Amino acid sequence: PGPETMRKRKMKLAVNFLTIGLVILSLPCGSYTEIPPKPPGSVTVLPPVKPAGGPQAFPDAENSNLPVFTMDYARIQVPFEVTLWVLLASFAKIGFHVYHKITFWVPESCLLISIGLIVGAIMHSVHEEPPAVLSYNVFFLFMLPPIVLESGYFMPTRPFFENVGTVLWFAVVGTLWNSIGIGMSLYAVCQIEAFEVQDINLQENMLFAAIISAVDPVAVLSVFEDVSVNEQLYIVVFGECLFNDAVTVVLYNMFIFVADMPVVEPVDVFLGVARFFVVGLGGMGFGVIFGFVASFTTRFTSNVREIEPLFIFMYSYLAYLVAELFSISSIMAIVTCALTMKYYVEENVSQRSCTTIRHVVKMLGTISETLIFFFLGVVTITTEHEWNWGYIMFTLLLALVWRGLGVLVLTQIINPFRTIPFNFKDQFILGYGGLRGAISFALVFTLPDSIGRKKLFVTTTICMIMFTVFIQGISIRPLIEFINVRRTNRNLETINVEIHSRLIEHTIAGVEDLCGQWSHYYWKDKFLKFNNRILRKILIRDNRAESSIVALYKKLELQNAMEILDTVSGDINAGSSIVSLQYVYPLCPSSSCSFSLSLSLSLSLSLSLSLSLSFAFSLACSPSLSFSLSTLYSVKASSHLRYDTTSLAHLYLGSFSHSSLQILSTSVRLDVERCAQRCSGSSPGSGWATQGHSKTCPEATPALSWLCA
């Protein structure tokens, strides 16, 4: 044979050897290839024989064709039902606000619970169970953070830090007072054999008392905003609600651990107290760190404006999760993070991002709280309850008594340290405004099954929420109107008010420095210096210290520009800059020229007041001492008292920056322009003469002449 034939034979032989080798390798065990022996007496079953045309005993499987329409509800059941719940609650809120008289007298929480009761009754009539969406992890990891972030981000910063001692006093000491008092009293009630609750031990009573000590005065705060109660009462109720939740969650987690202990040793009590402070202070530390990191990050987002809001939400949520990781106060962490980063972030991000952050935070918090109230109404009907009227009635009574006693005792202790003490009317509203709400229900609903009387605790908490929200929440407005609680205009934000506030703060800080008494004015002044010298340079892109007057001017200008855009009749194409800037201080039709001249006249009064204070303290104190106010420095250095209003004004205005003076002079000039227009009918921007203006407007003074010069 030729070479080609030999090569083909070799290849065929190689393929045969390779095939035999693979077969041998694929048979590692002989048991796989051996035929098992046939058992004795067995019968061989032959496969069925298909008849030619008759019916088949084993028909062939039908071939499945491509479906045109399918439905897999089990796959999307939970998100689908949650979405429907959110839509239903949102439609309910829209319906509430169609007729404003409803929400004026009845709080939204009452209406949402009522809608939930109706939906629960419908589900119970058709034997349908609500979806189990409110679990321990769902509440603490997804629903609680938006609620707390909203409260912390929209906390009024200046009133809060001016009353921070009172807020923490009522939030921490008041919560401990209520928890310990109610828990011990309920344990005493459980010893009565007629109530048949002797199996509830002291640890479980303390756990339940901590749950119902969480106040949620959302309805009260909305009423406070409508009737404009005094700022001190508003911020104390607001801050107590926020930090009370943090203290309650700490006590909740601690008492859950203690409830499983058969015997509580004295060392466990000391460890619990130590853990309470470690958890609270640790949460504050994490919040400050993540707040500064968020502020520093937004310093470099000028070229990626579209993701600026994402950093705010992620860092806030990350602070909450890291706190949960180390088992410290996650609520305190996210609240402190929001308070820390708000000031710096809003100066770094754009105006659109700032608006987006505010709206999204408000939306997420509202949705979470709405779902909890809505779910509360549904669960009230669809859940099996354990009724014990004695335990429920004593819980309601003890909660009211210990809340009232706590407010009276704690107020008597804190009043001597307050500049504006709380009177009896304020104390009554503080005690009566302790409503229970979403936090209490979510905590009791997510109790572990190891708690023997969990159903009784759920039923009692629902009764507590229903009583406080419906009875106290609806009656709080008439009571405030009836007893005539002190009011204040918290929405009055003008440059006039800012100038006076700044003057008084500088004066009081100087007085405290002379007297050697350090209060929050002194520490505020020190923090502002530290902030302007160090923190702003690190955390803010444009770290130049901006005057509070300039910041307020920008805020008012933006607000009025948005009002003009929202108004159909607003003239956006005004040619003169003077005319366009007039909207910064709109005239009130009922106040005539007195309102438009309030800045000038009030400034003159404040300058005269500062002159009197300067002379009084310069005579009483050593010449080497100094005030923080530049006017007092000038007066102290002089040797005579011949100061007129004009020279004092120049000394005082010397403490302002150049931009502040420009805005102040522009504002005063606009006031006088409008006054001239109102009194003489002249057109704005046409100029005015001091003498002619004095003849036509009796409220014009010589002080206006040099102010506008």
Foldseek 3Di string as FASTA:
>chain_A
DDPVVVVVVVVVVVVVVVVVVVVVVVCPDPVVVDDDDDDPPDDDDDDDDDDDPDDDPDDDDDDDDDDPDDDDCVVCVVVVVLVVLLVVLVVQVVVCVVDVVNCVQAPPLVSLLVLLLVVLVVCVVVVHDDDPQQAPCCCLQPQPLLQLLLLLQPQPQPLCLQCVVLLCLCQAVVLVLQLVQQLVVLQVVLVDVVLVNVVQHSLNSSLLSLLLSQFDLPLVLVLCVVQFFPPNLNNSLSSSNQSNLLLSVLSNVLSLVVVPDPDDDPVNVVVSVVQSVCQLVVLLVLQLVLLLVLLLVLLPCPPPQVCNLVSLVVSLSVSLVVSVVVVGRSSNNSSNSSSRNSVRSVQRHDPVSVVVNSVVSVVSSVSSQSSLSSVLSSCVNNPDADDRPSSLVVSLVSSLVSLLVSLVVSLVVCQVVDPDGDDPLSSVLSSLSRADGRSSLSSLVNRDPVNPNSRHSNVSSSVRNCCSSGPSSSCSNVSCVVVVHHRDDPVDQDLLVVVLVVLVLQQVLQVCVQVVHDDSSVVVVVVVVVCLPPVLVNRHNPSHDDDPSVVSLVVLLVVLVVVLVVDPPRDPPDDDPLVSVLSSDDDDVVPALCVLCVSLVSLLVSLVVVLVVLVVVLVVDDLVRATSQQLSVVVSPDDDSPDDSVNSSVSRCVVDDPVSLVVQLSSLVSSLQRNCCRQVVDDGPPDDDLVVSCVRHVPDDVSSVVSND
